C-alpha atoms as a PDB file:
ATOM      1  CA  MET A   1     154.305  96.024 112.522  1.00  0.00           C
ATOM      2  CA  THR A   2     152.507  95.584 115.852  1.00  0.00           C
ATOM      3  CA  ALA A   3     151.485  92.288 116.942  1.00  0.00           C
ATOM      4  CA  VAL A   4     148.375  92.224 118.943  1.00  0.00           C
ATOM      5  CA  SER A   5     147.637  89.936 121.811  1.00  0.00           C
ATOM      6  CA  LEU A   6     144.598  88.900 123.746  1.00  0.00           C
ATOM      7  CA  GLY A   7     144.793  88.778 127.685  1.00  0.00           C
ATOM      8  CA  ASP A   8     143.777  85.845 129.376  1.00  0.00           C
ATOM      9  CA  LEU A   9     140.500  86.890 130.704  1.00  0.00           C
ATOM     10  CA  ALA A  10     139.559  88.272 126.573  1.00  0.00           C
ATOM     11  CA  ARG A  11     141.107  84.976 125.407  1.00  0.00           C
ATOM     12  CA  THR A  12     138.703  83.152 127.705  1.00  0.00           C
ATOM     13  CA  PHE A  13     136.121  84.586 126.824  1.00  0.00           C
ATOM     14  CA  MET A  14     136.554  84.317 123.245  1.00  0.00           C
ATOM     15  CA  LEU A  15     137.250  80.539 123.703  1.00  0.00           C
ATOM     16  CA  ARG A  16     134.065  79.869 125.227  1.00  0.00           C
ATOM     17  CA  ARG A  17     131.956  82.026 122.603  1.00  0.00           C
ATOM     18  CA  GLN A  18     133.646  79.805 119.860  1.00  0.00           C
ATOM     19  CA  ASN A  19     132.370  76.893 122.102  1.00  0.00           C
ATOM     20  CA  VAL A  20     129.102  77.826 122.623  1.00  0.00           C
ATOM     21  CA  ALA A  21     128.729  78.860 118.994  1.00  0.00           C
ATOM     22  CA  LEU A  22     130.222  75.429 117.486  1.00  0.00           C
ATOM     23  CA  LYS A  23     127.734  73.205 120.172  1.00  0.00           C
ATOM     24  CA  SER A  24     124.871  75.321 118.912  1.00  0.00           C
ATOM     25  CA  GLN A  25     126.010  74.296 115.239  1.00  0.00           C
ATOM     26  CA  ALA A  26     126.485  70.677 116.264  1.00  0.00           C
ATOM     27  CA  GLN A  27     123.151  70.589 117.581  1.00  0.00           C
ATOM     28  CA  ARG A  28     121.311  72.041 114.588  1.00  0.00           C
ATOM     29  CA  LEU A  29     123.000  69.900 112.453  1.00  0.00           C
ATOM     30  CA  SER A  30     122.233  67.042 114.439  1.00  0.00           C
ATOM     31  CA  THR A  31     118.602  67.480 114.569  1.00  0.00           C
ATOM     32  CA  GLU A  32     118.664  67.872 110.779  1.00  0.00           C
ATOM     33  CA  THR A  33     120.542  64.697 110.339  1.00  0.00           C
ATOM     34  CA  VAL A  34     117.916  62.948 112.054  1.00  0.00           C
ATOM     35  CA  THR A  35     114.896  64.511 110.852  1.00  0.00           C
ATOM     36  CA  GLY A  36     116.036  65.524 107.414  1.00  0.00           C
ATOM     37  CA  LEU A  37     114.099  68.617 107.625  1.00  0.00           C
ATOM     38  CA  THR A  38     116.077  71.973 108.447  1.00  0.00           C
ATOM     39  CA  ALA A  39     116.447  73.744 111.777  1.00  0.00           C
ATOM     40  CA  ASP A  40     116.138  77.023 110.324  1.00  0.00           C
ATOM     41  CA  VAL A  41     113.042  77.245 108.358  1.00  0.00           C
ATOM     42  CA  ARG A  42     112.409  80.938 107.741  1.00  0.00           C
ATOM     43  CA  LYS A  43     116.242  80.690 106.026  1.00  0.00           C
ATOM     44  CA  LYS A  44     115.092  77.980 104.212  1.00  0.00           C
ATOM     45  CA  VAL A  45     112.315  79.740 102.544  1.00  0.00           C
ATOM     46  CA  LYS A  46     113.851  82.801 102.380  1.00  0.00           C
ATOM     47  CA  GLY A  47     111.602  84.587 104.758  1.00  0.00           C
ATOM     48  CA  ASP A  48     108.319  83.045 102.755  1.00  0.00           C
ATOM     49  CA  LEU A  49     106.266  81.130 105.668  1.00  0.00           C
ATOM     50  CA  GLY A  50     103.034  81.190 103.572  1.00  0.00           C
ATOM     51  CA  SER A  51     102.921  77.585 102.043  1.00  0.00           C
ATOM     52  CA  ILE A  52     104.500  76.321 104.716  1.00  0.00           C
ATOM     53  CA  ASN A  53     101.963  77.698 107.279  1.00  0.00           C
ATOM     54  CA  GLY A  54      99.498  76.622 105.315  1.00  0.00           C
ATOM     55  CA  ILE A  55     100.701  73.119 104.743  1.00  0.00           C
ATOM     56  CA  ASP A  56     101.327  72.873 109.037  1.00  0.00           C
ATOM     57  CA  SER A  57      97.132  74.111 109.004  1.00  0.00           C
ATOM     58  CA  SER A  58      96.297  71.621 106.504  1.00  0.00           C
ATOM     59  CA  LEU A  59      97.890  68.982 108.319  1.00  0.00           C
ATOM     60  CA  ALA A  60      96.318  69.819 111.883  1.00  0.00           C
ATOM     61  CA  LEU A  61      93.179  69.812 110.433  1.00  0.00           C
ATOM     62  CA  LEU A  62      93.875  66.556 109.306  1.00  0.00           C
ATOM     63  CA  ALA A  63      95.329  64.971 112.508  1.00  0.00           C
ATOM     64  CA  ALA A  64      91.872  66.558 114.023  1.00  0.00           C
ATOM     65  CA  ARG A  65      89.641  64.685 111.644  1.00  0.00           C
ATOM     66  CA  LYS A  66      91.633  61.545 112.285  1.00  0.00           C
ATOM     67  CA  SER A  67      90.926  61.701 115.500  1.00  0.00           C
ATOM     68  CA  VAL A  68      86.804  61.978 114.387  1.00  0.00           C
ATOM     69  CA  THR A  69      86.784  59.452 111.757  1.00  0.00           C
ATOM     70  CA  SER A  70      88.697  56.848 114.245  1.00  0.00           C
ATOM     71  CA  GLU A  71      85.756  57.772 117.113  1.00  0.00           C
ATOM     72  CA  ALA A  72      83.250  57.967 114.234  1.00  0.00           C
ATOM     73  CA  THR A  73      84.402  54.254 113.362  1.00  0.00           C
ATOM     74  CA  LEU A  74      84.428  52.833 117.277  1.00  0.00           C
ATOM     75  CA  LEU A  75      80.989  54.325 117.277  1.00  0.00           C
ATOM     76  CA  ALA A  76      79.368  53.062 113.579  1.00  0.00           C
ATOM     77  CA  SER A  77      81.150  49.498 114.460  1.00  0.00           C
ATOM     78  CA  GLY A  78      79.489  49.262 118.695  1.00  0.00           C
ATOM     79  CA  MET A  79      76.423  50.299 117.070  1.00  0.00           C
ATOM     80  CA  GLN A  80      76.528  47.769 114.383  1.00  0.00           C
ATOM     81  CA  ASN A  81      77.893  45.016 116.450  1.00  0.00           C
ATOM     82  CA  VAL A  82      74.684  45.531 119.030  1.00  0.00           C
ATOM     83  CA  LEU A  83      71.944  45.428 116.124  1.00  0.00           C
ATOM     84  CA  SER A  84      73.163  42.574 114.799  1.00  0.00           C
ATOM     85  CA  ALA A  85      73.597  40.383 118.071  1.00  0.00           C
ATOM     86  CA  MET A  86      69.811  42.003 118.947  1.00  0.00           C
ATOM     87  CA  ASN A  87      68.541  40.813 115.705  1.00  0.00           C
ATOM     88  CA  LYS A  88      69.960  37.023 116.392  1.00  0.00           C
ATOM     89  CA  SER A  89      68.860  36.990 119.450  1.00  0.00           C
ATOM     90  CA  ALA A  90      65.126  38.427 118.807  1.00  0.00           C
ATOM     91  CA  SER A  91      65.217  36.334 115.412  1.00  0.00           C
ATOM     92  CA  ASP A  92      66.062  32.829 116.941  1.00  0.00           C
ATOM     93  CA  LEU A  93      63.908  33.558 119.974  1.00  0.00           C
ATOM     94  CA  ALA A  94      60.499  34.206 117.016  1.00  0.00           C
ATOM     95  CA  LEU A  95      61.245  30.783 115.291  1.00  0.00           C
ATOM     96  CA  ASP A  96      61.205  29.171 118.998  1.00  0.00           C
ATOM     97  CA  LEU A  97      58.219  31.143 120.024  1.00  0.00           C
ATOM     98  CA  THR A  98      56.183  30.737 117.000  1.00  0.00           C
ATOM     99  CA  SER A  99      57.131  26.526 116.423  1.00  0.00           C
ATOM    100  CA  LEU A 100      55.242  26.533 120.041  1.00  0.00           C
ATOM    101  CA  SER A 101      52.065  24.183 119.936  1.00  0.00           C
ATOM    102  CA  PRO A 102      50.319  22.100 122.693  1.00  0.00           C
ATOM    103  CA  ASN A 103      50.861  18.674 121.589  1.00  0.00           C
ATOM    104  CA  GLY A 104      54.600  17.828 120.714  1.00  0.00           C
ATOM    105  CA  MET A 105      56.026  21.283 121.343  1.00  0.00           C
ATOM    106  CA  LYS A 106      60.043  21.209 121.194  1.00  0.00           C
ATOM    107  CA  MET A 107      60.319  24.013 124.224  1.00  0.00           C
ATOM    108  CA  THR A 108      57.728  24.282 127.250  1.00  0.00           C
ATOM    109  CA  THR A 109      56.285  27.949 127.772  1.00  0.00           C
ATOM    110  CA  ASP A 110      58.264  28.281 130.605  1.00  0.00           C
ATOM    111  CA  GLN A 111      61.617  27.311 128.792  1.00  0.00           C
ATOM    112  CA  LEU A 112      60.792  30.133 126.438  1.00  0.00           C
ATOM    113  CA  GLY A 113      59.619  32.861 129.036  1.00  0.00           C
ATOM    114  CA  THR A 114      63.134  32.226 130.875  1.00  0.00           C
ATOM    115  CA  ALA A 115      65.139  32.463 127.448  1.00  0.00           C
ATOM    116  CA  ALA A 116      62.982  35.643 126.271  1.00  0.00           C
ATOM    117  CA  GLU A 117      63.461  37.277 129.655  1.00  0.00           C
ATOM    118  CA  ASP A 118      67.980  36.581 129.119  1.00  0.00           C
ATOM    119  CA  ALA A 119      67.135  37.794 125.457  1.00  0.00           C
ATOM    120  CA  PHE A 120      65.588  41.036 126.822  1.00  0.00           C
ATOM    121  CA  ARG A 121      68.176  41.532 129.288  1.00  0.00           C
ATOM    122  CA  SER A 122      70.736  41.220 127.103  1.00  0.00           C
ATOM    123  CA  ALA A 123      69.417  43.531 125.177  1.00  0.00           C
ATOM    124  CA  ILE A 124      68.885  46.201 127.469  1.00  0.00           C
ATOM    125  CA  SER A 125      72.661  45.635 128.149  1.00  0.00           C
ATOM    126  CA  ALA A 126      73.796  46.066 124.365  1.00  0.00           C
ATOM    127  CA  LEU A 127      71.845  49.376 124.311  1.00  0.00           C
ATOM    128  CA  ASN A 128      73.801  50.700 127.299  1.00  0.00           C
ATOM    129  CA  THR A 129      77.220  49.709 125.655  1.00  0.00           C
ATOM    130  CA  ARG A 130      80.044  52.222 126.501  1.00  0.00           C
ATOM    131  CA  ILE A 131      82.581  53.019 124.415  1.00  0.00           C
ATOM    132  CA  GLY A 132      85.656  55.371 125.622  1.00  0.00           C
ATOM    133  CA  ASP A 133      82.934  56.642 128.709  1.00  0.00           C
ATOM    134  CA  ARG A 134      80.216  57.392 125.573  1.00  0.00           C
ATOM    135  CA  SER A 135      77.197  55.480 126.159  1.00  0.00           C
ATOM    136  CA  ILE A 136      76.318  54.844 122.284  1.00  0.00           C
ATOM    137  CA  PHE A 137      72.853  54.925 122.035  1.00  0.00           C
ATOM    138  CA  ALA A 138      72.131  57.451 124.484  1.00  0.00           C
ATOM    139  CA  GLY A 139      72.439  60.522 121.367  1.00  0.00           C
ATOM    140  CA  ASN A 140      73.456  63.775 122.746  1.00  0.00           C
ATOM    141  CA  ASP A 141      73.699  62.688 126.582  1.00  0.00           C
ATOM    142  CA  PRO A 142      76.540  60.223 125.970  1.00  0.00           C
ATOM    143  CA  GLN A 143      77.235  60.223 130.225  1.00  0.00           C
ATOM    144  CA  SER A 144      73.588  58.676 130.944  1.00  0.00           C
ATOM    145  CA  ALA A 145      72.363  55.268 130.187  1.00  0.00           C
ATOM    146  CA  ALA A 146      70.622  54.955 127.324  1.00  0.00           C
ATOM    147  CA  VAL A 147      68.049  52.699 129.095  1.00  0.00           C
ATOM    148  CA  ALA A 148      67.040  51.994 132.783  1.00  0.00           C
ATOM    149  CA  ASP A 149      68.194  48.478 133.948  1.00  0.00           C
ATOM    150  CA  ALA A 150      66.425  45.420 132.758  1.00  0.00           C
ATOM    151  CA  ASP A 151      64.888  44.673 136.559  1.00  0.00           C
ATOM    152  CA  VAL A 152      63.524  48.253 136.522  1.00  0.00           C
ATOM    153  CA  ILE A 153      61.684  47.525 133.290  1.00  0.00           C
ATOM    154  CA  LEU A 154      60.643  44.320 133.747  1.00  0.00           C
ATOM    155  CA  ALA A 155      59.065  44.814 136.996  1.00  0.00           C
ATOM    156  CA  SER A 156      57.386  48.233 135.955  1.00  0.00           C
ATOM    157  CA  LEU A 157      56.176  45.829 132.856  1.00  0.00           C
ATOM    158  CA  GLU A 158      55.073  42.999 135.026  1.00  0.00           C
ATOM    159  CA  THR A 159      52.733  45.776 137.111  1.00  0.00           C
ATOM    160  CA  ALA A 160      51.094  47.215 133.681  1.00  0.00           C
ATOM    161  CA  ILE A 161      49.823  43.325 132.434  1.00  0.00           C
ATOM    162  CA  ALA A 162      48.201  42.529 135.776  1.00  0.00           C
ATOM    163  CA  GLY A 163      45.024  41.668 135.895  1.00  0.00           C
ATOM    164  CA  ALA A 164      45.433  40.636 132.041  1.00  0.00           C
ATOM    165  CA  ALA A 165      42.652  37.960 131.082  1.00  0.00           C
ATOM    166  CA  SER A 166      44.043  36.878 127.671  1.00  0.00           C
ATOM    167  CA  ALA A 167      46.820  37.241 125.342  1.00  0.00           C
ATOM    168  CA  ALA A 168      45.607  40.073 123.810  1.00  0.00           C
ATOM    169  CA  ASP A 169      44.901  41.949 126.943  1.00  0.00           C
ATOM    170  CA  VAL A 170      48.927  41.252 127.496  1.00  0.00           C
ATOM    171  CA  GLU A 171      49.924  42.572 124.114  1.00  0.00           C
ATOM    172  CA  GLN A 172      47.857  45.753 124.718  1.00  0.00           C
ATOM    173  CA  ALA A 173      48.907  46.441 128.204  1.00  0.00           C
ATOM    174  CA  VAL A 174      52.559  45.889 127.173  1.00  0.00           C
ATOM    175  CA  PHE A 175      52.255  48.088 124.379  1.00  0.00           C
ATOM    176  CA  ALA A 176      50.490  50.730 125.938  1.00  0.00           C
ATOM    177  CA  TRP A 177      53.561  50.768 128.239  1.00  0.00           C
ATOM    178  CA  PHE A 178      56.087  51.218 125.463  1.00  0.00           C
ATOM    179  CA  ASN A 179      53.953  53.975 123.762  1.00  0.00           C
ATOM    180  CA  ASN A 180      52.824  55.648 126.907  1.00  0.00           C
ATOM    181  CA  ALA A 181      54.729  58.743 128.218  1.00  0.00           C
ATOM    182  CA  GLY A 182      54.727  57.154 131.759  1.00  0.00           C
ATOM    183  CA  GLY A 183      56.451  53.778 130.336  1.00  0.00           C
ATOM    184  CA  TYR A 184      59.531  53.357 127.996  1.00  0.00           C
ATOM    185  CA  ALA A 185      59.776  57.058 127.325  1.00  0.00           C
ATOM    186  CA  ALA A 186      60.461  57.406 131.013  1.00  0.00           C
ATOM    187  CA  MET A 187      63.170  54.745 131.376  1.00  0.00           C
ATOM    188  CA  SER A 188      65.305  55.713 128.320  1.00  0.00           C
ATOM    189  CA  CYS A 189      67.244  58.427 127.518  1.00  0.00           C
ATOM    190  CA  GLN A 190      65.626  61.078 125.592  1.00  0.00           C
ATOM    191  CA  ALA A 191      68.411  63.236 124.530  1.00  0.00           C
ATOM    192  CA  ALA A 192      68.519  64.280 121.042  1.00  0.00           C
ATOM    193  CA  PRO A 193      70.218  62.322 118.181  1.00  0.00           C
ATOM    194  CA  LEU A 194      74.024  63.285 117.478  1.00  0.00           C
ATOM    195  CA  ALA A 195      74.356  66.162 114.859  1.00  0.00           C
ATOM    196  CA  PRO A 196      76.055  64.758 111.364  1.00  0.00           C
ATOM    197  CA  ILE A 197      79.780  64.034 112.120  1.00  0.00           C
ATOM    198  CA  ALA A 198      82.246  65.979 109.777  1.00  0.00           C
ATOM    199  CA  VAL A 199      84.613  63.266 108.584  1.00  0.00           C
ATOM    200  CA  SER A 200      86.471  64.634 105.741  1.00  0.00           C
ATOM    201  CA  ALA A 201      85.881  68.689 104.059  1.00  0.00           C
ATOM    202  CA  THR A 202      82.734  67.546 102.041  1.00  0.00           C
ATOM    203  CA  GLU A 203      81.780  64.244 103.857  1.00  0.00           C
ATOM    204  CA  ASN A 204      79.156  64.267 106.814  1.00  0.00           C
ATOM    205  CA  VAL A 205      77.512  61.265 107.993  1.00  0.00           C
ATOM    206  CA  LYS A 206      74.876  60.493 110.389  1.00  0.00           C
ATOM    207  CA  LEU A 207      75.256  57.991 113.673  1.00  0.00           C
ATOM    208  CA  GLN A 208      71.356  58.702 115.076  1.00  0.00           C
ATOM    209  CA  VAL A 209      70.628  55.890 116.388  1.00  0.00           C
ATOM    210  CA  THR A 210      69.163  56.247 119.539  1.00  0.00           C
ATOM    211  CA  ALA A 211      67.558  53.698 122.332  1.00  0.00           C
ATOM    212  CA  GLN A 212      64.099  55.677 121.204  1.00  0.00           C
ATOM    213  CA  HIS A 213      64.573  54.689 117.177  1.00  0.00           C
ATOM    214  CA  SER A 214      61.321  52.879 116.283  1.00  0.00           C
ATOM    215  CA  VAL A 215      63.154  49.437 115.510  1.00  0.00           C
ATOM    216  CA  ILE A 216      64.649  49.079 118.625  1.00  0.00           C
ATOM    217  CA  LYS A 217      61.730  49.867 120.189  1.00  0.00           C
ATOM    218  CA  GLU A 218      59.500  47.287 118.229  1.00  0.00           C
ATOM    219  CA  THR A 219      62.577  44.416 118.739  1.00  0.00           C
ATOM    220  CA  LEU A 220      62.200  45.286 122.554  1.00  0.00           C
ATOM    221  CA  LYS A 221      58.330  45.389 122.799  1.00  0.00           C
ATOM    222  CA  GLY A 222      58.221  41.634 121.144  1.00  0.00           C
ATOM    223  CA  LEU A 223      61.418  40.951 123.837  1.00  0.00           C
ATOM    224  CA  ALA A 224      59.468  42.501 126.231  1.00  0.00           C
ATOM    225  CA  LEU A 225      55.706  40.592 125.111  1.00  0.00           C
ATOM    226  CA  ALA A 226      57.779  37.038 125.400  1.00  0.00           C
ATOM    227  CA  ALA A 227      59.008  37.642 128.987  1.00  0.00           C
ATOM    228  CA  MET A 228      56.217  38.013 130.300  1.00  0.00           C
ATOM    229  CA  LEU A 229      55.983  34.584 130.115  1.00  0.00           C
ATOM    230  CA  ASN A 230      58.282  33.915 132.789  1.00  0.00           C
ATOM    231  CA  ARG A 231      57.038  37.119 134.945  1.00  0.00           C
ATOM    232  CA  GLY A 232      53.498  34.901 135.673  1.00  0.00           C
ATOM    233  CA  ALA A 233      51.412  36.354 132.325  1.00  0.00           C
ATOM    234  CA  LEU A 234      48.053  34.276 132.311  1.00  0.00           C
ATOM    235  CA  SER A 235      49.230  31.772 135.103  1.00  0.00           C
ATOM    236  CA  GLY A 236      47.357  28.431 134.664  1.00  0.00           C
ATOM    237  CA  SER A 237      46.056  29.116 130.940  1.00  0.00           C
ATOM    238  CA  ASP A 238      48.237  26.778 129.029  1.00  0.00           C
ATOM    239  CA  ALA A 239      46.417  28.256 125.475  1.00  0.00           C
ATOM    240  CA  GLY A 240      46.415  31.398 126.783  1.00  0.00           C
ATOM    241  CA  ARG A 241      50.556  31.417 127.366  1.00  0.00           C
ATOM    242  CA  THR A 242      51.045  29.724 123.842  1.00  0.00           C
ATOM    243  CA  SER A 243      48.916  32.279 122.256  1.00  0.00           C
ATOM    244  CA  LEU A 244      51.166  35.116 123.788  1.00  0.00           C
ATOM    245  CA  ALA A 245      54.029  33.079 122.933  1.00  0.00           C
ATOM    246  CA  GLU A 246      53.549  32.822 119.311  1.00  0.00           C
ATOM    247  CA  SER A 247      52.117  36.558 119.359  1.00  0.00           C
ATOM    248  CA  ALA A 248      55.502  37.543 120.396  1.00  0.00           C
ATOM    249  CA  GLY A 249      57.039  35.419 117.927  1.00  0.00           C
ATOM    250  CA  ALA A 250      55.293  36.686 115.173  1.00  0.00           C
ATOM    251  CA  ARG A 251      56.146  40.568 116.563  1.00  0.00           C
ATOM    252  CA  LEU A 252      60.025  39.454 116.710  1.00  0.00           C
ATOM    253  CA  LEU A 253      59.591  37.917 113.246  1.00  0.00           C
ATOM    254  CA  GLN A 254      57.752  41.229 111.539  1.00  0.00           C
ATOM    255  CA  GLY A 255      60.870  43.325 112.696  1.00  0.00           C
ATOM    256  CA  GLN A 256      63.210  41.061 111.694  1.00  0.00           C
ATOM    257  CA  THR A 257      63.457  43.070 107.449  1.00  0.00           C
ATOM    258  CA  ASP A 258      63.368  46.523 109.513  1.00  0.00           C
ATOM    259  CA  ARG A 259      66.212  45.287 111.733  1.00  0.00           C
ATOM    260  CA  ILE A 260      68.229  43.998 108.759  1.00  0.00           C
ATOM    261  CA  ASP A 261      67.878  47.229 106.834  1.00  0.00           C
ATOM    262  CA  LEU A 262      68.781  49.739 109.878  1.00  0.00           C
ATOM    263  CA  ALA A 263      71.536  47.588 110.120  1.00  0.00           C
ATOM    264  CA  ALA A 264      72.594  47.714 106.476  1.00  0.00           C
ATOM    265  CA  ARG A 265      72.127  51.601 106.695  1.00  0.00           C
ATOM    266  CA  ILE A 266      75.036  51.464 109.500  1.00  0.00           C
ATOM    267  CA  GLY A 267      76.792  49.235 107.177  1.00  0.00           C
ATOM    268  CA  LEU A 268      77.196  51.788 104.911  1.00  0.00           C
ATOM    269  CA  VAL A 269      77.833  54.669 107.087  1.00  0.00           C
ATOM    270  CA  GLU A 270      80.958  52.579 108.281  1.00  0.00           C
ATOM    271  CA  GLU A 271      81.659  52.166 104.528  1.00  0.00           C
ATOM    272  CA  ARG A 272      82.096  56.123 104.197  1.00  0.00           C
ATOM    273  CA  ILE A 273      83.632  56.822 107.394  1.00  0.00           C
ATOM    274  CA  GLU A 274      86.153  54.091 105.729  1.00  0.00           C
ATOM    275  CA  ALA A 275      86.352  55.993 102.410  1.00  0.00           C
ATOM    276  CA  ALA A 276      87.002  59.482 103.808  1.00  0.00           C
ATOM    277  CA  ALA A 277      89.711  58.341 106.210  1.00  0.00           C
ATOM    278  CA  THR A 278      91.244  56.634 103.682  1.00  0.00           C
ATOM    279  CA  ALA A 279      91.215  60.003 101.519  1.00  0.00           C
ATOM    280  CA  ASN A 280      92.414  61.976 104.387  1.00  0.00           C
ATOM    281  CA  ALA A 281      95.405  59.834 104.770  1.00  0.00           C
ATOM    282  CA  ALA A 282      96.207  60.288 101.295  1.00  0.00           C
ATOM    283  CA  GLU A 283      95.875  63.904 101.920  1.00  0.00           C
ATOM    284  CA  THR A 284      98.064  63.604 104.769  1.00  0.00           C
ATOM    285  CA  THR A 285     100.294  61.749 102.917  1.00  0.00           C
ATOM    286  CA  SER A 286     100.970  64.522  99.931  1.00  0.00           C
ATOM    287  CA  LEU A 287     101.243  67.268 102.321  1.00  0.00           C
ATOM    288  CA  GLN A 288     104.063  65.557 104.169  1.00  0.00           C
ATOM    289  CA  ILE A 289     105.855  64.920 100.798  1.00  0.00           C
ATOM    290  CA  ALA A 290     105.739  68.458  99.875  1.00  0.00           C
ATOM    291  CA  ARG A 291     106.758  69.770 103.176  1.00  0.00           C
ATOM    292  CA  ILE A 292     109.695  67.584 103.002  1.00  0.00           C
ATOM    293  CA  GLU A 293     110.365  69.262  99.437  1.00  0.00           C
ATOM    294  CA  LEU A 294     110.184  72.742 100.925  1.00  0.00           C
ATOM    295  CA  LEU A 295     111.989  71.918 104.231  1.00  0.00           C
ATOM    296  CA  GLY A 296     114.619  69.229 103.467  1.00  0.00           C
ATOM    297  CA  VAL A 297     118.086  68.996 103.598  1.00  0.00           C
ATOM    298  CA  ASP A 298     120.774  67.133 101.887  1.00  0.00           C
ATOM    299  CA  SER A 299     121.064  64.463 104.422  1.00  0.00           C
ATOM    300  CA  TYR A 300     125.039  63.493 103.018  1.00  0.00           C
ATOM    301  CA  GLU A 301     125.890  67.311 103.279  1.00  0.00           C
ATOM    302  CA  THR A 302     124.282  67.779 106.911  1.00  0.00           C
ATOM    303  CA  ALA A 303     126.301  64.528 108.362  1.00  0.00           C
ATOM    304  CA  THR A 304     129.554  66.207 106.672  1.00  0.00           C
ATOM    305  CA  GLN A 305     128.719  69.137 108.284  1.00  0.00           C
ATOM    306  CA  LEU A 306     128.289  68.155 111.220  1.00  0.00           C
ATOM    307  CA  GLU A 307     131.616  65.492 111.624  1.00  0.00           C
ATOM    308  CA  ALA A 308     133.691  68.694 110.837  1.00  0.00           C
ATOM    309  CA  THR A 309     131.881  70.644 113.438  1.00  0.00           C
ATOM    310  CA  GLN A 310     132.594  68.064 115.955  1.00  0.00           C
ATOM    311  CA  THR A 311     136.091  67.596 114.253  1.00  0.00           C
ATOM    312  CA  GLN A 312     136.728  72.118 115.262  1.00  0.00           C
ATOM    313  CA  ILE A 313     134.996  71.383 118.865  1.00  0.00           C
ATOM    314  CA  GLU A 314     137.611  68.538 119.542  1.00  0.00           C
ATOM    315  CA  THR A 315     140.583  70.794 118.370  1.00  0.00           C
ATOM    316  CA  LEU A 316     139.149  73.713 120.385  1.00  0.00           C
ATOM    317  CA  TYR A 317     138.893  71.510 123.314  1.00  0.00           C
ATOM    318  CA  LYS A 318     142.625  70.745 122.625  1.00  0.00           C
ATOM    319  CA  LEU A 319     143.879  74.176 122.334  1.00  0.00           C
ATOM    320  CA  THR A 320     141.655  75.332 125.910  1.00  0.00           C
ATOM    321  CA  THR A 321     143.863  72.606 127.687  1.00  0.00           C
ATOM    322  CA  ARG A 322     146.930  73.758 126.240  1.00  0.00           C
ATOM    323  CA  LEU A 323     146.620  77.526 126.683  1.00  0.00           C
ATOM    324  CA  SER A 324     145.368  76.632 130.427  1.00  0.00           C
ATOM    325  CA  ARG A 325     148.431  75.210 131.311  1.00  0.00           C
ATOM    326  CA  MET A 326     150.731  77.577 130.008  1.00  0.00           C
ATOM    327  CA  SER A 327     153.601  79.120 132.657  1.00  0.00           C
ATOM    328  CA  LEU A 328     155.703  82.072 132.352  1.00  0.00           C
ATOM    329  CA  VAL A 329     158.405  80.074 131.085  1.00  0.00           C
ATOM    330  CA  ASP A 330     156.445  78.583 128.143  1.00  0.00           C
ATOM    331  CA  TYR A 331     155.340  81.885 127.385  1.00  0.00           C
ATOM    332  CA  LEU A 332     159.104  83.275 127.381  1.00  0.00           C
END
């Protein structure tokens, strides 16, 4: 029987090829041991990739929806916080304004005017709240401020009430400024409200409250009317200033129900977003389990194969070292 031998170069190539193959196998088994999933998807599903592609597509869509629901949650929460703060400020101020009387009053009209201007400034600042570089009350123009700076608005209102001789005149001038195109409309973002947000396959929510919302405008009217007490309105007429304070307080109290109702509607949207997020998370978990069932491997068997492969690599290294040290004497 004729013996077949390999030359040095051929043997080197053979050993190198075996080394590469064993290392590739070890890498594959290491990945499968860590992830618990097969590294060769096509072989695992026997060439039928329809099911796994469908699962992966659904998981990608759910991941995108998770991002959308997270953003919607932040947006709704931000709106809710602003509306709640604005309502508390307006309601507290309304009580002080309506309790004002010429005799034995708790606060003077000057003090109330200062408090009202502070409340107005706070409301404007809150309406310009930004979350993730998005102006939450600017609708479809999230990069713009929802309303102009409070100083600019107050200066314009101060000009509008110039010459007013009674509380009714001041009220008429302030309300006209808010209703005219050259007043509040010119100093607030005119973008359309946000489109409905798809938080699940079947659920759309609406977060369409902007600085143009009627409830917000009415609240700002009342706060601005009271703030005019701090801008020299009816200076020198205590009775007129008291009447103006009471009128502003009554306006703010009348709007309390609408403010609470608007906050409640935002609260319902928050609940729907949370429910959709929960349903999406449950669906994601189910799909991930199905994916594991399709592509999962036996961890014990894979670890055993990995250990055997590592042993083979070590043996190959020893053999290669020994062959590389052979001399002519050893060969003979």
